[in-house]
Structures are given as C-alpha cells and as structure tokens.
C-alpha cells in the first residue's frame, strides 16, 4: 500500500502526460492534487508542511522562470540584432547538414553550458538556438533534452558529485575524484554513443521515412566525436578532478567536430535537412556582422558563468548581494528555497542579452521589445511549473510525517533494495533516473539516494564507487525525462502543452542509457 502511494508521484504524471496526452497545465495539476491528497491521508503529512512545500514549489518556479526568461530574451534580442542570421550563415559554412548541427549545438555547446551552469539551463539555451537554425520545435526540444545528459554528472562545475555525495562519510576531494574517474569510465560505454543516439532520434522521428538509413552514414563521425568527448572526460577526471570535466571535454570535442565537419571527414556527401521547418527561410544576404561578434553574447554567458563559480570572491558576492532565498518557509524548519539572484544563470543570460544590444550597435528598445515578447510566452508555463514543483516538494519533504515513515523517495529506494539487491548493479542507474525524473535535479537525486546506494553496496558486497557512479550517471540520464525540464524546454520552443509528446520520444533513450550503464558497471567492476 505504502509503495503504491509513494509511486503515485511517478505513475500519475506518466499516465496523464504520456498515456492520456494531457498538457502539463492539466496533467501536472491533477498529479499534484493526487500526490498531495495521498501524502495527507495515507502518509500522515500535516497541513502546515503541505502548505510550506507548496510555497517552496512556487518559489522554486520563480527561479526557473527567471532562467527561462533569460534564455528567451537572449535569443529574441539576437534575432532582432541580426546575430542569429549571422550564426546560421556560420553554420552553413561548417555544414548544411542538420545531423552535424545538432551534435555541435545540442550536444557539445549544450555540454559546455551544462559544465558552467547546470540546473536545466542547457536545454533552455540550445532549444531556442536550434529553432533559430530552422529545426522543427518538437525536434529542437526533444534533442536538446537528450543531449543534456552525459555532461550532467559534472554540471555547474561538478556540483552533482561534490554536493550530491557531500553527506557520505568518505566525502573528500580524493573521494570525489575517484567517483569522477568511475563515472567517466562507465561513460566510455554509454556517453560515447549519445551523439549517434541523437542522430537516430532525429532521423527516425523527424525524417521523411528513411529512419536508420539516414542515421547509419553518420555512425563513423558521431563515434569519433563521442570517443573524443568521453576520453577527454576521463583524462580530465584523472588529471584535474571533477570540476572541469564537462567544460574541458566539450571544448576539446567542439574543436574536433568543427574542424572535421568543415573538412567533410567521415561525413556523407549528401546533406540532410528533413527536420527543417516548412516555412523556414535562410537569410542569404551576406551579413556585415562578424561571426565572433554574433557569437559574443554566448561567449559572455560562458565566461560570466565560469567567473561567478570559480573566482571565490566573485562567487561569494553574487550569492549574497541580492538574495531572494526563503528560509524555513512559514516556520517549518528545513523547508527552504534558494534564489541568489546575481548567481542565477537567468541573470547572466539577461545581462548577455542587454550587452549584445550595445555590442551590435542597436537601440535599447530592441532589448525592451525582446523582453516583452519573452514574458508573453511564459504564462502557461508558470502554471505547469507551479503544479509540478508543488508535487515534487511534497513528495521529497514527506519524511516529516505523523506515522514515522521515511520520505516517499527513500521508501521506494528501500523497497527496490530489499527485492532487487542481488542485481543492484542494474538497478542503481535507474534509481538515479527516478530521482531526476521526479525532482528535476541530478544533485537532489544524488543527495536523496546516495546514502541508500552506499548502504546497499556495502550490504551486498559490491564496489561502492561503481554503484555511486551509476547513481550519478543515471541521474544525468533522468534529465531527459524529468517533468519540469520538459515543461521548460517545451516552453522555450513554443510547444507548451506538448510535454507528453516529448517524453514519449525521450523515454526510450533514457531507459537504454540506464541499461547500458548498469551492464557496463557489471562488466568493469564485477566481472
């Protein structure tokens, strides 16, 4: 009975969004009502905690909406300054093939943003950018979510490892580096194939009926890019530790991908553009803007994100100067929502948009118009996110109850451990995915489940580092299907209400990723 109640936070969204195909505004609202009602009546969660958790969800929604606004206002501003047209022309000079473009933009540039910012930012940036390059909205959102997976383990300068494992007794820089090496070793077997997976998704779901026949010619090049990325990640883990793995690996692979694509090495001669929007018109008039000037706002984004996370005095200033965090909401100890305004990726994106107006010699009214357009597209998204995050926080805070039960996510994990402990190497990555699917964060997933993973590994006598690595990689794969990431990604490409369609396309890659990681952990660490 209790297990079914705990699983309601997974079952309800899946049924409403994927099976019934309801828009998130309705599906997640019904899901939230069901989970909250069960938490109060069966789990024994008191009304004050429910109210505190709902308010926590509303506050968290504001932080996500601010990132969403930043991503939209940057893109809308660059459209008006002409930078997007220049960026598009630059891609045409590298390759007109959309299969190449998706690897460079969604996987590699997205991984760079992930390494610097994390917290769902990459899909909000790369999705709109792909729209500007001519990708169909559903393709852009789906591909942006699947691409933002391998780098997630080391997102926001290694936060899922350093923070996610911080409660374990072994927590130390040496321990974090060991886990980083274990993660990148596993990803030699899984992350290497993400570029080709993106191509398969695009040609099967968004092509003109040829499916794998259009994907297979890209296998040699995508394997090259995947291997360069994962080997660079492993080398970075060994030499530098977990903080810069996603950044260094994506930069290395980005250089290789751009050079080989421009030379046409390992690529088919025929350009593929089946996922192009029907009414898309490429600007053929040569732009007077330089390519670096067009890309400079995105360079500013990456630089500012890194500066505010690496330079300690600047990080401390941005975290404390304007702090909208809400601590002990309505008097409930431990229920807190953080929003360091200047530290937020949304602020960095908005600053880059504002600076781009002056860099591109346009009037301030360009930014003002872009801001107005961006706000107008976010109305329904706010409703979906409030319902989603209210449900998430009631679910995760349910450990404070009148029946002395553990929280719902911990109850699920403990139930899985008791029945599936003998094959835990296969289960561990899916526990990580489960955490990200519900909470929307690889860091929160790991914080929640790492102690359970640690305990199970010790009980059954398997390599603890391997299990924890599988947890974190799985949490990254869960990014593909987590509801509030899907809601945000659909909003930035103008597809609010189509969240179920996106999850149906990202679910299989997420499952396959978890399965490959489970098998790889068994082969590497147990055989």
Protein backbone atom coordinates (compact mmCIF):
# COMPACT_ATOMS: atom_id res chain seq x y z
CA UNK A 1 0.00 0.00 0.00
CA UNK A 2 2.68 2.49 1.05
CA UNK A 3 4.79 1.63 -2.01
CA UNK A 4 1.86 2.38 -4.34
CA UNK A 5 1.29 5.71 -2.59
CA UNK A 6 4.97 6.60 -2.90
CA UNK A 7 4.96 5.66 -6.57
CA UNK A 8 1.99 7.97 -7.23
CA UNK A 9 4.42 10.82 -7.99
CA UNK A 10 5.74 8.71 -10.89
CA UNK A 11 2.59 6.94 -12.02
CA UNK A 12 0.28 9.97 -12.12
CA UNK A 13 2.48 12.19 -14.37
CA UNK A 14 3.20 9.24 -16.67
CA UNK A 15 -0.49 8.38 -17.04
CA UNK A 16 -1.70 11.95 -17.54
CA UNK A 17 1.12 13.22 -19.76
CA UNK A 18 2.21 10.15 -21.71
CA UNK A 19 -0.86 7.87 -21.79
CA UNK A 20 -3.70 10.43 -21.82
CA UNK A 21 -1.58 13.08 -23.57
CA UNK A 22 -2.88 15.90 -21.40
CA UNK A 23 -0.96 19.19 -21.47
CA UNK A 24 1.20 19.74 -18.40
CA UNK A 25 -1.10 22.52 -17.16
CA UNK A 26 -3.81 19.90 -16.62
CA UNK A 27 -1.81 16.69 -16.21
CA UNK A 28 0.56 18.03 -13.57
CA UNK A 29 -2.23 19.84 -11.74
CA UNK A 30 -4.16 16.57 -11.39
CA UNK A 31 -0.93 14.77 -10.42
CA UNK A 32 -0.20 17.35 -7.74
CA UNK A 33 -3.71 17.01 -6.28
CA UNK A 34 -3.40 13.22 -6.14
CA UNK A 35 0.07 13.17 -4.55
CA UNK A 36 -0.84 15.88 -2.02
CA UNK A 37 -4.08 14.12 -1.07
CA UNK A 38 -2.29 10.80 -0.57
CA UNK A 39 0.50 12.48 1.39
CA UNK A 40 -2.02 13.96 3.81
CA UNK A 41 -4.36 10.99 4.18
CA UNK A 42 -2.07 7.95 3.92
CA UNK A 43 1.44 9.24 4.64
CA UNK A 44 0.37 11.45 7.53
CA UNK A 45 1.94 14.70 6.30
CA UNK A 46 0.44 17.63 8.21
CA UNK A 47 -1.28 20.54 6.56
CA UNK A 48 1.35 23.10 7.58
CA UNK A 49 4.11 21.05 5.93
CA UNK A 50 1.97 20.66 2.81
CA UNK A 51 1.46 24.43 2.65
CA UNK A 52 5.16 25.05 3.25
CA UNK A 53 6.12 22.59 0.50
CA UNK A 54 3.65 24.13 -1.98
CA UNK A 55 5.09 27.60 -1.26
CA UNK A 56 8.57 26.14 -1.70
CA UNK A 57 7.47 24.86 -5.11
CA UNK A 58 6.08 28.28 -6.08
CA UNK A 59 9.31 29.97 -5.04
CA UNK A 60 11.37 27.41 -6.99
CA UNK A 61 9.13 28.08 -10.00
CA UNK A 62 10.15 31.74 -9.94
CA UNK A 63 13.83 30.76 -10.06
CA UNK A 64 13.23 28.53 -13.11
CA UNK A 65 11.05 31.10 -14.84
CA UNK A 66 13.84 33.63 -14.44
CA UNK A 67 16.28 31.28 -16.22
CA UNK A 68 13.63 30.66 -18.88
CA UNK A 69 13.17 34.39 -19.34
CA UNK A 70 16.92 34.91 -19.65
CA UNK A 71 17.22 32.26 -22.36
CA UNK A 72 14.27 33.67 -24.31
CA UNK A 73 15.26 37.32 -24.05
CA UNK A 74 18.79 36.49 -25.24
CA UNK A 75 17.50 34.64 -28.30
CA UNK A 76 14.83 37.25 -29.12
CA UNK A 77 17.38 40.05 -28.78
CA UNK A 78 19.87 38.28 -31.05
CA UNK A 79 17.13 37.70 -33.62
CA UNK A 80 16.45 41.43 -33.72
CA UNK A 81 20.11 42.45 -33.89
CA UNK A 82 20.75 40.07 -36.80
CA UNK A 83 23.18 37.91 -34.84
CA UNK A 84 21.07 34.77 -35.32
CA UNK A 85 21.19 35.16 -39.11
CA UNK A 86 24.97 35.52 -38.92
CA UNK A 87 25.28 32.46 -36.66
CA UNK A 88 23.17 30.49 -39.13
CA UNK A 89 25.39 31.57 -42.03
CA UNK A 90 28.39 30.46 -39.98
CA UNK A 91 26.89 27.01 -39.57
CA UNK A 92 26.21 26.83 -43.28
CA UNK A 93 29.93 27.36 -43.83
CA UNK A 94 30.73 24.47 -41.48
CA UNK A 95 27.96 22.13 -42.66
CA UNK A 96 24.44 22.47 -44.01
CA UNK A 97 23.65 19.01 -42.60
CA UNK A 98 21.25 19.22 -39.65
CA UNK A 99 22.71 15.98 -38.30
CA UNK A 100 26.04 17.75 -37.86
CA UNK A 101 24.45 20.89 -36.47
CA UNK A 102 22.58 19.02 -33.74
CA UNK A 103 25.84 17.48 -32.46
CA UNK A 104 27.64 20.81 -32.39
CA UNK A 105 24.79 22.83 -30.87
CA UNK A 106 22.79 20.45 -28.69
CA UNK A 107 25.47 18.00 -27.53
CA UNK A 108 28.74 19.94 -27.48
CA UNK A 109 27.66 23.55 -26.91
CA UNK A 110 24.95 22.28 -24.57
CA UNK A 111 27.55 20.28 -22.61
CA UNK A 112 29.70 23.40 -22.30
CA UNK A 113 26.73 25.32 -20.87
CA UNK A 114 25.98 22.36 -18.57
CA UNK A 115 29.54 22.30 -17.28
CA UNK A 116 29.34 26.01 -16.48
CA UNK A 117 25.75 26.40 -15.28
CA UNK A 118 23.76 23.17 -14.93
CA UNK A 119 20.27 23.27 -13.39
CA UNK A 120 18.42 22.71 -16.67
CA UNK A 121 19.96 25.73 -18.39
CA UNK A 122 21.41 23.97 -21.50
CA UNK A 123 18.10 22.80 -22.97
CA UNK A 124 16.67 26.29 -22.44
CA UNK A 125 19.57 27.76 -24.42
CA UNK A 126 20.17 25.17 -27.16
CA UNK A 127 16.47 24.51 -27.86
CA UNK A 128 15.72 28.08 -28.97
CA UNK A 129 19.05 28.26 -30.80
CA UNK A 130 18.11 25.20 -32.86
CA UNK A 131 14.73 26.80 -33.62
CA UNK A 132 16.63 29.80 -34.94
CA UNK A 133 18.69 27.45 -37.13
CA UNK A 134 15.50 26.06 -38.67
CA UNK A 135 14.81 22.93 -36.60
CA UNK A 136 11.19 21.99 -36.03
CA UNK A 137 10.10 22.87 -32.46
CA UNK A 138 9.38 19.28 -31.37
CA UNK A 139 12.75 18.15 -32.73
CA UNK A 140 14.56 21.03 -31.02
CA UNK A 141 13.05 20.33 -27.60
CA UNK A 142 13.50 16.56 -27.80
CA UNK A 143 17.10 16.70 -29.00
CA UNK A 144 18.07 19.41 -26.50
CA UNK A 145 16.83 17.23 -23.62
CA UNK A 146 18.50 14.02 -24.78
CA UNK A 147 21.77 15.85 -25.49
CA UNK A 148 21.83 17.29 -21.97
CA UNK A 149 22.62 14.01 -20.25
CA UNK A 150 26.25 12.89 -20.41
CA UNK A 151 27.60 16.21 -19.11
CA UNK A 152 25.08 16.45 -16.26
CA UNK A 153 27.20 14.38 -13.85
CA UNK A 154 29.70 17.25 -13.87
CA UNK A 155 27.27 20.15 -14.35
CA UNK A 156 27.75 23.51 -12.65
CA UNK A 157 31.47 22.82 -12.13
CA UNK A 158 30.98 19.35 -10.65
CA UNK A 159 28.04 20.08 -8.33
CA UNK A 160 26.25 16.67 -8.61
CA UNK A 161 29.43 14.95 -7.38
CA UNK A 162 30.69 17.44 -4.80
CA UNK A 163 27.29 18.34 -3.34
CA UNK A 164 25.38 15.16 -4.15
CA UNK A 165 27.89 12.98 -2.28
CA UNK A 166 28.69 15.50 0.45
CA UNK A 167 26.69 13.67 3.14
CA UNK A 168 28.63 10.40 2.81
CA UNK A 169 31.33 9.54 5.37
CA UNK A 170 34.04 9.26 2.68
CA UNK A 171 33.31 12.73 1.26
CA UNK A 172 36.62 14.42 0.35
CA UNK A 173 38.33 15.82 -2.77
CA UNK A 174 40.13 12.49 -3.27
CA UNK A 175 36.85 10.55 -3.00
CA UNK A 176 35.14 12.92 -5.46
CA UNK A 177 37.98 12.42 -7.95
CA UNK A 178 37.66 8.63 -7.61
CA UNK A 179 33.94 8.88 -8.35
CA UNK A 180 34.67 11.17 -11.31
CA UNK A 181 37.04 8.59 -12.76
CA UNK A 182 34.45 5.83 -12.22
CA UNK A 183 31.74 7.94 -13.94
CA UNK A 184 33.87 8.75 -16.97
CA UNK A 185 34.96 5.11 -17.24
CA UNK A 186 31.32 3.99 -17.36
CA UNK A 187 30.53 6.68 -19.93
CA UNK A 188 33.10 5.21 -22.32
CA UNK A 189 30.40 2.58 -22.87
CA UNK A 190 27.33 4.86 -22.83
CA UNK A 191 28.17 8.53 -23.33
CA UNK A 192 30.22 7.68 -26.41
CA UNK A 193 27.01 6.72 -28.21
CA UNK A 194 24.90 9.74 -27.28
CA UNK A 195 25.86 11.65 -30.48
CA UNK A 196 24.72 8.74 -32.65
CA UNK A 197 21.60 8.34 -30.48
CA UNK A 198 20.71 11.97 -31.24
CA UNK A 199 21.03 11.28 -34.96
CA UNK A 200 18.82 8.17 -34.72
CA UNK A 201 16.15 10.10 -32.82
CA UNK A 202 16.20 12.90 -35.37
CA UNK A 203 16.08 10.69 -38.47
CA UNK A 204 13.52 8.21 -37.08
CA UNK A 205 11.09 10.69 -35.53
CA UNK A 206 11.61 13.75 -37.71
CA UNK A 207 12.87 12.38 -41.03
CA UNK A 208 10.93 11.51 -44.16
CA UNK A 209 10.51 7.80 -43.63
CA UNK A 210 14.06 6.52 -44.11
CA UNK A 211 14.87 6.29 -40.40
CA UNK A 212 18.06 4.34 -39.72
CA UNK A 213 19.13 4.53 -43.36
CA UNK A 214 19.72 8.25 -42.85
CA UNK A 215 21.41 7.69 -39.48
CA UNK A 216 23.92 4.94 -40.31
CA UNK A 217 26.14 7.06 -42.63
CA UNK A 218 26.75 9.34 -39.62
CA UNK A 219 27.98 6.50 -37.38
CA UNK A 220 31.75 6.91 -38.04
CA UNK A 221 31.76 10.67 -37.39
CA UNK A 222 29.49 10.52 -34.34
CA UNK A 223 31.60 7.73 -32.84
CA UNK A 224 34.69 9.89 -33.35
CA UNK A 225 33.05 12.83 -31.56
CA UNK A 226 31.69 10.59 -28.81
CA UNK A 227 35.06 8.94 -28.21
CA UNK A 228 36.88 12.29 -28.20
CA UNK A 229 34.39 13.60 -25.64
CA UNK A 230 34.44 10.60 -23.30
CA UNK A 231 38.22 10.05 -23.49
CA UNK A 232 38.78 13.76 -22.84
CA UNK A 233 36.41 13.49 -19.89
CA UNK A 234 38.30 10.51 -18.47
CA UNK A 235 41.65 12.28 -18.89
CA UNK A 236 40.28 15.42 -17.22
CA UNK A 237 38.95 13.33 -14.32
CA UNK A 238 42.36 11.72 -13.79
CA UNK A 239 44.39 14.95 -14.11
CA UNK A 240 42.12 17.71 -12.73
CA UNK A 241 39.26 16.20 -10.74
CA UNK A 242 35.51 16.52 -11.25
CA UNK A 243 35.07 20.30 -11.53
CA UNK A 244 36.09 20.91 -15.15
CA UNK A 245 35.33 17.59 -16.81
CA UNK A 246 32.26 18.70 -18.81
CA UNK A 247 33.86 22.00 -19.79
CA UNK A 248 37.19 20.59 -20.99
CA UNK A 249 35.66 17.56 -22.71
CA UNK A 250 33.08 19.63 -24.60
CA UNK A 251 35.66 22.23 -25.68
CA UNK A 252 38.00 19.51 -26.96
CA UNK A 253 35.25 17.70 -28.84
CA UNK A 254 33.87 21.01 -30.16
CA UNK A 255 37.20 21.83 -31.79
CA UNK A 256 37.45 18.35 -33.35
CA UNK A 257 33.81 18.39 -34.51
CA UNK A 258 34.07 21.83 -36.12
CA UNK A 259 37.33 21.03 -37.93
CA UNK A 260 36.29 17.59 -39.21
CA UNK A 261 32.83 18.78 -40.25
CA UNK A 262 34.27 21.68 -42.23
CA UNK A 263 36.64 19.28 -43.96
CA UNK A 264 33.87 16.75 -44.51
CA UNK A 265 35.85 13.96 -42.88
CA UNK A 266 33.88 10.77 -42.12
CA UNK A 267 30.68 12.50 -43.22
CA UNK A 268 28.26 11.58 -46.01
CA UNK A 269 28.35 13.84 -49.05
CA UNK A 270 24.58 14.33 -49.16
CA UNK A 271 23.28 16.97 -46.77
CA UNK A 272 20.25 16.01 -44.61
CA UNK A 273 17.63 18.66 -43.83
CA UNK A 274 14.42 16.67 -43.27
CA UNK A 275 13.80 18.23 -39.82
CA UNK A 276 13.72 21.74 -41.27
CA UNK A 277 10.67 23.90 -40.55
CA UNK A 278 8.41 24.05 -43.60
CA UNK A 279 8.28 27.85 -43.71
CA UNK A 280 11.91 28.42 -42.72
CA UNK A 281 13.74 30.91 -44.90
CA UNK A 282 17.52 31.10 -44.67
CA UNK A 283 18.87 34.65 -44.86
CA UNK A 284 21.01 34.64 -48.00
CA UNK A 285 22.13 38.26 -47.89
CA UNK A 286 25.69 38.37 -46.50
CA UNK A 287 25.76 39.85 -43.01
CA UNK A 288 28.00 42.77 -42.15
CA UNK A 289 28.36 41.40 -38.63
CA UNK A 290 31.45 39.37 -37.83
CA UNK A 291 30.95 35.76 -36.73
CA UNK A 292 32.70 36.33 -33.40
CA UNK A 293 30.55 39.40 -32.76
CA UNK A 294 27.43 37.30 -33.41
CA UNK A 295 28.58 34.57 -31.02
CA UNK A 296 29.99 37.02 -28.45
CA UNK A 297 26.84 37.08 -26.25
CA UNK A 298 27.10 33.30 -25.80
CA UNK A 299 30.82 33.68 -25.08
CA UNK A 300 29.88 36.25 -22.44
CA UNK A 301 27.40 33.77 -20.94
CA UNK A 302 30.02 31.03 -20.59
CA UNK A 303 32.69 33.40 -19.25
CA UNK A 304 30.38 35.02 -16.68
CA UNK A 305 29.07 31.65 -15.53
CA UNK A 306 32.60 30.35 -15.03
CA UNK A 307 33.80 33.52 -13.30
CA UNK A 308 30.91 33.52 -10.83
CA UNK A 309 31.57 29.89 -9.97
CA UNK A 310 35.37 29.68 -9.97
CA UNK A 311 36.54 33.06 -8.63
CA UNK A 312 35.75 32.74 -4.93
CA UNK A 313 35.29 36.46 -4.03
CA UNK A 314 33.02 36.97 -7.04
CA UNK A 315 31.06 33.80 -6.25
CA UNK A 316 30.54 34.96 -2.66
CA UNK A 317 29.44 38.42 -3.83
CA UNK A 318 26.93 37.14 -6.40
CA UNK A 319 25.50 34.69 -3.87
CA UNK A 320 24.98 37.31 -1.16
CA UNK A 321 24.49 40.72 -2.79
CA UNK A 322 20.88 40.16 -3.88
CA UNK A 323 19.44 37.15 -2.10
CA UNK A 324 15.78 36.26 -2.60
CA UNK A 325 16.11 32.94 -0.78
CA UNK A 326 13.28 31.88 1.54
CA UNK A 327 14.42 30.04 4.66
CA UNK A 328 12.20 27.95 6.98
CA UNK A 329 9.09 28.72 4.95
CA UNK A 330 6.11 29.67 7.18
CA UNK A 331 8.11 28.49 10.16
CA UNK A 332 8.79 24.91 9.06
CA UNK A 333 12.39 24.06 9.89
CA UNK A 334 14.42 22.85 6.92
CA UNK A 335 11.95 23.84 4.19
CA UNK A 336 14.00 26.33 2.21
CA UNK A 337 14.22 27.62 -1.35
CA UNK A 338 17.38 29.36 -2.56
CA UNK A 339 17.48 32.14 -5.11
CA UNK A 340 20.77 34.03 -5.24
CA UNK A 341 19.66 36.46 -7.92
CA UNK A 342 23.04 37.57 -9.31
CA UNK A 343 24.35 33.99 -9.22
CA UNK A 344 21.40 32.68 -11.26
CA UNK A 345 22.05 31.67 -14.89
CA UNK A 346 18.95 33.70 -15.73
CA UNK A 347 20.68 36.91 -14.64
CA UNK A 348 23.79 36.03 -16.66
CA UNK A 349 21.66 35.34 -19.76
CA UNK A 350 19.75 38.62 -19.33
CA UNK A 351 23.00 40.57 -18.90
CA UNK A 352 24.39 38.99 -22.06
CA UNK A 353 21.23 39.98 -23.95
CA UNK A 354 21.49 43.56 -22.70
CA UNK A 355 25.20 43.79 -23.54
CA UNK A 356 24.57 42.39 -27.02
CA UNK A 357 22.41 45.40 -27.86
CA UNK A 358 25.42 47.68 -27.40
CA UNK A 359 27.90 45.24 -28.97
CA UNK A 360 25.73 45.05 -32.08
CA UNK A 361 25.07 48.80 -32.05
CA UNK A 362 21.31 48.69 -31.64
CA UNK A 363 18.93 50.74 -29.52
CA UNK A 364 17.80 49.74 -26.05
CA UNK A 365 14.25 49.43 -27.41
CA UNK A 366 15.40 46.19 -29.12
CA UNK A 367 16.02 44.63 -25.70
CA UNK A 368 12.76 46.04 -24.30
CA UNK A 369 10.74 44.56 -27.16
CA UNK A 370 12.52 41.21 -26.80
CA UNK A 371 11.78 41.22 -23.05
CA UNK A 372 8.08 41.89 -23.66
CA UNK A 373 7.88 39.05 -26.18
CA UNK A 374 9.66 36.70 -23.78
CA UNK A 375 7.32 37.42 -20.87
CA UNK A 376 4.26 36.86 -23.04
CA UNK A 377 5.32 33.29 -23.89
CA UNK A 378 5.75 32.19 -20.27
CA UNK A 379 2.19 32.44 -18.88
CA UNK A 380 1.03 28.83 -19.24
CA UNK A 381 4.49 27.55 -18.33
CA UNK A 382 4.18 29.14 -14.89
CA UNK A 383 1.03 27.13 -14.15
CA UNK A 384 2.66 23.86 -15.23
CA UNK A 385 5.79 24.50 -13.21
CA UNK A 386 3.93 25.51 -10.04
CA UNK A 387 1.89 22.30 -10.11
CA UNK A 388 4.98 20.19 -10.91
CA UNK A 389 7.22 21.67 -8.23
CA UNK A 390 4.48 21.71 -5.60
CA UNK A 391 4.10 17.96 -6.15
CA UNK A 392 7.87 17.42 -6.14
CA UNK A 393 8.43 19.18 -2.83
CA UNK A 394 5.53 17.48 -1.06
CA UNK A 395 6.99 14.20 -2.30
CA UNK A 396 10.56 14.94 -1.17
CA UNK A 397 9.54 16.52 2.16
CA UNK A 398 7.18 13.67 3.07
CA UNK A 399 9.70 12.26 5.56
CA UNK A 400 8.24 14.73 8.09
CA UNK A 401 5.01 12.93 8.93
CA UNK A 402 2.89 11.68 11.81
CA UNK A 403 3.47 7.98 11.05
CA UNK A 404 7.30 7.97 11.43
CA UNK A 405 7.72 6.88 7.82
CA UNK A 406 10.75 7.73 5.72
CA UNK A 407 10.16 10.07 2.78
CA UNK A 408 8.40 8.67 -0.28
CA UNK A 409 11.56 8.59 -2.47
CA UNK A 410 13.50 6.81 0.28
CA UNK A 411 10.66 4.32 0.73
CA UNK A 412 10.76 3.50 -2.99
CA UNK A 413 14.53 3.02 -2.96
CA UNK A 414 14.43 0.88 0.18
CA UNK A 415 11.71 -1.31 -1.35
CA UNK A 416 13.76 -1.76 -4.52
CA UNK A 417 16.85 -2.61 -2.48
CA UNK A 418 15.07 -5.28 -0.45
CA UNK A 419 13.72 -7.06 -3.51
CA UNK A 420 16.40 -6.39 -6.15
CA UNK A 421 19.60 -6.24 -4.13
CA UNK A 422 21.09 -9.24 -5.95
CA UNK A 423 21.10 -7.38 -9.27
CA UNK A 424 21.72 -3.92 -7.84
CA UNK A 425 24.35 -3.09 -10.47
CA UNK A 426 21.47 -2.99 -12.98
CA UNK A 427 19.10 -1.15 -10.63
CA UNK A 428 21.47 1.60 -9.41
CA UNK A 429 21.35 3.84 -12.52
CA UNK A 430 17.56 3.65 -12.65
CA UNK A 431 17.33 4.82 -9.05
CA UNK A 432 19.31 7.86 -10.17
CA UNK A 433 16.95 8.34 -13.13
CA UNK A 434 13.95 8.01 -10.84
CA UNK A 435 15.29 10.77 -8.61
CA UNK A 436 15.88 13.15 -11.51
CA UNK A 437 12.54 12.33 -13.15
CA UNK A 438 10.72 13.50 -10.04
CA UNK A 439 12.94 16.22 -8.58
CA UNK A 440 14.37 17.60 -11.83
CA UNK A 441 17.89 17.69 -10.43
CA UNK A 442 20.78 15.23 -10.62
CA UNK A 443 22.20 16.85 -7.49
CA UNK A 444 18.98 16.41 -5.49
CA UNK A 445 18.59 12.87 -6.81
CA UNK A 446 22.07 12.01 -5.59
CA UNK A 447 21.64 13.78 -2.26
CA UNK A 448 18.45 11.79 -1.71
CA UNK A 449 19.56 8.36 -2.87
CA UNK A 450 23.36 8.27 -2.42
CA UNK A 451 23.10 7.15 1.24
CA UNK A 452 20.78 4.30 0.19
CA UNK A 453 23.04 3.33 -2.71
CA UNK A 454 26.03 3.42 -0.35
CA UNK A 455 24.26 1.20 2.20
CA UNK A 456 23.07 -1.35 -0.36
CA UNK A 457 26.51 -1.61 -1.96
CA UNK A 458 28.10 -2.34 1.42
CA UNK A 459 25.38 -4.87 2.34
CA UNK A 460 25.72 -6.95 -0.83
CA UNK A 461 29.50 -6.55 -1.05
CA UNK A 462 29.90 -4.73 -4.38
CA UNK A 463 32.14 -1.81 -5.33
CA UNK A 464 30.71 1.29 -3.60
CA UNK A 465 32.32 3.71 -6.07
CA UNK A 466 30.80 1.83 -9.01
CA UNK A 467 27.31 2.00 -7.52
CA UNK A 468 27.62 5.71 -6.69
CA UNK A 469 28.96 6.41 -10.18
CA UNK A 470 25.99 4.55 -11.69
CA UNK A 471 23.65 6.61 -9.49
CA UNK A 472 25.08 9.90 -10.77
CA UNK A 473 25.21 8.86 -14.43
CA UNK A 474 21.64 7.61 -14.13
CA UNK A 475 20.63 10.92 -12.59
CA UNK A 476 22.09 12.64 -15.66
CA UNK A 477 20.09 10.37 -17.96
CA UNK A 478 16.97 11.20 -15.95
CA UNK A 479 17.39 14.78 -17.16
CA UNK A 480 15.91 13.64 -20.49
CA UNK A 481 12.52 12.85 -18.95
CA UNK A 482 12.24 14.97 -15.80
CA UNK A 483 8.93 16.78 -15.92
CA UNK A 484 9.94 20.32 -15.08
CA UNK A 485 12.86 20.24 -17.55
CA UNK A 486 10.45 19.02 -20.23
CA UNK A 487 7.98 21.78 -19.33
CA UNK A 488 10.73 24.42 -19.59
CA UNK A 489 12.19 23.00 -22.81
CA UNK A 490 8.77 22.89 -24.46
CA UNK A 491 8.06 26.46 -23.40
CA UNK A 492 11.20 27.97 -24.92
CA UNK A 493 10.42 26.43 -28.32
CA UNK A 494 6.73 27.42 -28.22
CA UNK A 495 5.29 23.96 -27.54
CA UNK A 496 3.59 24.37 -24.16
CA UNK A 497 1.02 21.58 -23.88
CA UNK A 498 3.08 19.04 -25.85
CA UNK A 499 5.10 17.74 -22.90
CA UNK A 500 3.74 14.20 -23.25
CA UNK A 501 4.81 14.03 -26.90
CA UNK A 502 8.34 14.99 -25.87
CA UNK A 503 8.56 12.45 -23.02
CA UNK A 504 7.38 9.67 -25.34
CA UNK A 505 10.42 10.38 -27.52
CA UNK A 506 12.96 10.82 -24.70
CA UNK A 507 11.82 7.87 -22.55
CA UNK A 508 13.45 5.08 -24.58
CA UNK A 509 16.88 6.79 -24.79
CA UNK A 510 16.75 7.35 -21.01
CA UNK A 511 15.96 3.68 -20.37
CA UNK A 512 18.66 2.47 -22.77
CA UNK A 513 21.22 4.80 -21.18
CA UNK A 514 20.45 3.35 -17.74
CA UNK A 515 20.61 -0.21 -19.04
CA UNK A 516 23.98 0.30 -20.75
CA UNK A 517 25.41 1.93 -17.62
CA UNK A 518 24.16 -0.98 -15.50
CA UNK A 519 25.73 -3.56 -17.81
CA UNK A 520 28.94 -1.55 -18.10
CA UNK A 521 29.28 -1.32 -14.32
CA UNK A 522 28.87 -5.08 -14.08
CA UNK A 523 31.48 -5.77 -16.78
CA UNK A 524 34.04 -3.25 -15.49
CA UNK A 525 33.73 -3.62 -11.73
CA UNK A 526 32.25 -7.05 -11.03
CA UNK A 527 33.46 -9.47 -13.70
